[in-house]
Amino acid sequence: MSVIQYVASDAGTFPEDAYFLDPRHIDELTSEWEFESLAQDAALDYFDNHDGWESDWPLDIELFIDGESIGVFAVEMEHVPRFSARKKQETAQ
């Protein structure tokens, strides 16, 4: 299993400020799509666990596999609208 780390562009430098993702099997057959998926996982981890919600998105996230950079990924955050409703009190006429 490979050690997967990342650094967000507004959070510092590698290795001092790197965050860890769960280890995964990475080898020379790993596709670009899988690395993009890892960058999305890193963005979600950063947002949920490391105050990433305070950041100005999009962010650049650099991925490291076993201490070696595999690239910088531009990650955009998509906003999902959520709605709530409550019945209004009727006013007397």
Protein backbone atom coordinates (compact mmCIF):
# COMPACT_ATOMS: atom_id res chain seq x y z
CA MET A 1 0.00 0.00 0.00
CA SER A 2 1.21 3.46 -0.86
CA VAL A 3 1.33 6.41 1.53
CA ILE A 4 -0.83 9.19 0.09
CA GLN A 5 -0.39 12.77 1.25
CA TYR A 6 -1.53 16.14 -0.04
CA VAL A 7 -0.96 19.83 0.50
CA ALA A 8 -3.54 22.51 -0.29
CA SER A 9 -2.16 25.68 -1.88
CA ASP A 10 -3.33 27.86 1.02
CA ALA A 11 -2.16 25.49 3.77
CA GLY A 12 1.62 25.31 3.58
CA THR A 13 4.34 23.13 2.12
CA PHE A 14 5.38 19.49 1.91
CA PRO A 15 6.20 17.63 4.12
CA GLU A 16 5.61 19.85 7.17
CA ASP A 17 2.00 20.72 6.35
CA ALA A 18 0.92 17.60 4.47
CA TYR A 19 -2.26 15.74 5.34
CA PHE A 20 -2.73 11.99 4.91
CA LEU A 21 -5.37 10.02 3.04
CA ASP A 22 -6.06 6.32 3.59
CA PRO A 23 -3.33 4.16 2.00
CA ARG A 24 -4.14 2.65 -1.41
CA HIS A 25 -2.45 0.49 -3.99
CA ILE A 26 -0.76 2.82 -6.50
CA ASP A 27 1.53 1.62 -9.29
CA GLU A 28 2.58 2.49 -12.85
CA LEU A 29 -0.83 1.32 -14.14
CA THR A 30 -2.74 3.88 -12.08
CA SER A 31 -4.69 6.10 -14.48
CA GLU A 32 -4.94 9.88 -14.61
CA TRP A 33 -8.63 9.54 -13.73
CA GLU A 34 -7.69 7.76 -10.48
CA PHE A 35 -5.29 10.57 -9.56
CA GLU A 36 -8.01 13.14 -10.25
CA SER A 37 -10.32 11.12 -7.99
CA LEU A 38 -7.63 11.16 -5.28
CA ALA A 39 -7.40 14.95 -5.61
CA GLN A 40 -11.17 15.17 -5.13
CA ASP A 41 -10.90 12.92 -2.05
CA ALA A 42 -8.15 15.19 -0.72
CA ALA A 43 -10.33 18.26 -1.29
CA LEU A 44 -13.22 16.68 0.61
CA ASP A 45 -10.89 15.70 3.48
CA TYR A 46 -9.44 19.20 3.56
CA PHE A 47 -12.91 20.79 3.54
CA ASP A 48 -14.36 18.49 6.21
CA ASN A 49 -11.39 18.00 8.55
CA HIS A 50 -8.91 20.85 8.12
CA ASP A 51 -10.98 24.06 7.92
CA GLY A 52 -11.10 23.97 4.14
CA TRP A 53 -14.55 25.52 4.31
CA GLU A 54 -12.76 28.77 5.21
CA SER A 55 -10.68 28.67 2.00
CA ASP A 56 -11.29 30.54 -1.23
CA TRP A 57 -12.01 27.90 -3.85
CA PRO A 58 -10.84 26.76 -6.37
CA LEU A 59 -7.64 25.49 -4.74
CA ASP A 60 -4.55 23.81 -6.07
CA ILE A 61 -3.90 20.50 -4.33
CA GLU A 62 -0.58 18.74 -4.75
CA LEU A 63 -0.63 14.96 -4.31
CA PHE A 64 2.30 12.95 -3.02
CA ILE A 65 2.64 9.18 -3.30
CA ASP A 66 5.31 7.69 -1.04
CA GLY A 67 6.86 11.15 -0.69
CA GLU A 68 7.05 11.90 -4.44
CA SER A 69 4.87 14.56 -6.06
CA ILE A 70 2.59 13.23 -8.78
CA GLY A 71 1.25 16.64 -9.72
CA VAL A 72 -0.80 19.67 -8.82
CA PHE A 73 -4.55 19.48 -9.41
CA ALA A 74 -6.90 22.46 -9.67
CA VAL A 75 -9.96 21.55 -7.60
CA GLU A 76 -13.21 23.48 -7.77
CA MET A 77 -15.95 23.21 -5.19
CA GLU A 78 -19.47 22.82 -6.51
CA HIS A 79 -22.21 24.29 -4.36
CA VAL A 80 -25.28 22.15 -3.92
CA PRO A 81 -28.34 24.20 -3.04
CA ARG A 82 -30.40 22.93 -0.14
CA PHE A 83 -33.80 24.20 0.76
CA SER A 84 -35.90 24.05 3.89
CA ALA A 85 -39.49 25.14 4.36
CA ARG A 86 -41.82 25.80 7.23
CA LYS A 87 -45.43 26.77 7.22
CA LYS A 88 -46.06 30.41 7.99
CA GLN A 89 -48.41 31.31 10.78
CA GLU A 90 -51.72 32.59 9.53
CA THR A 91 -52.35 36.19 10.44
CA ALA A 92 -55.69 37.35 11.88
CA GLN A 93 -57.79 39.45 9.53
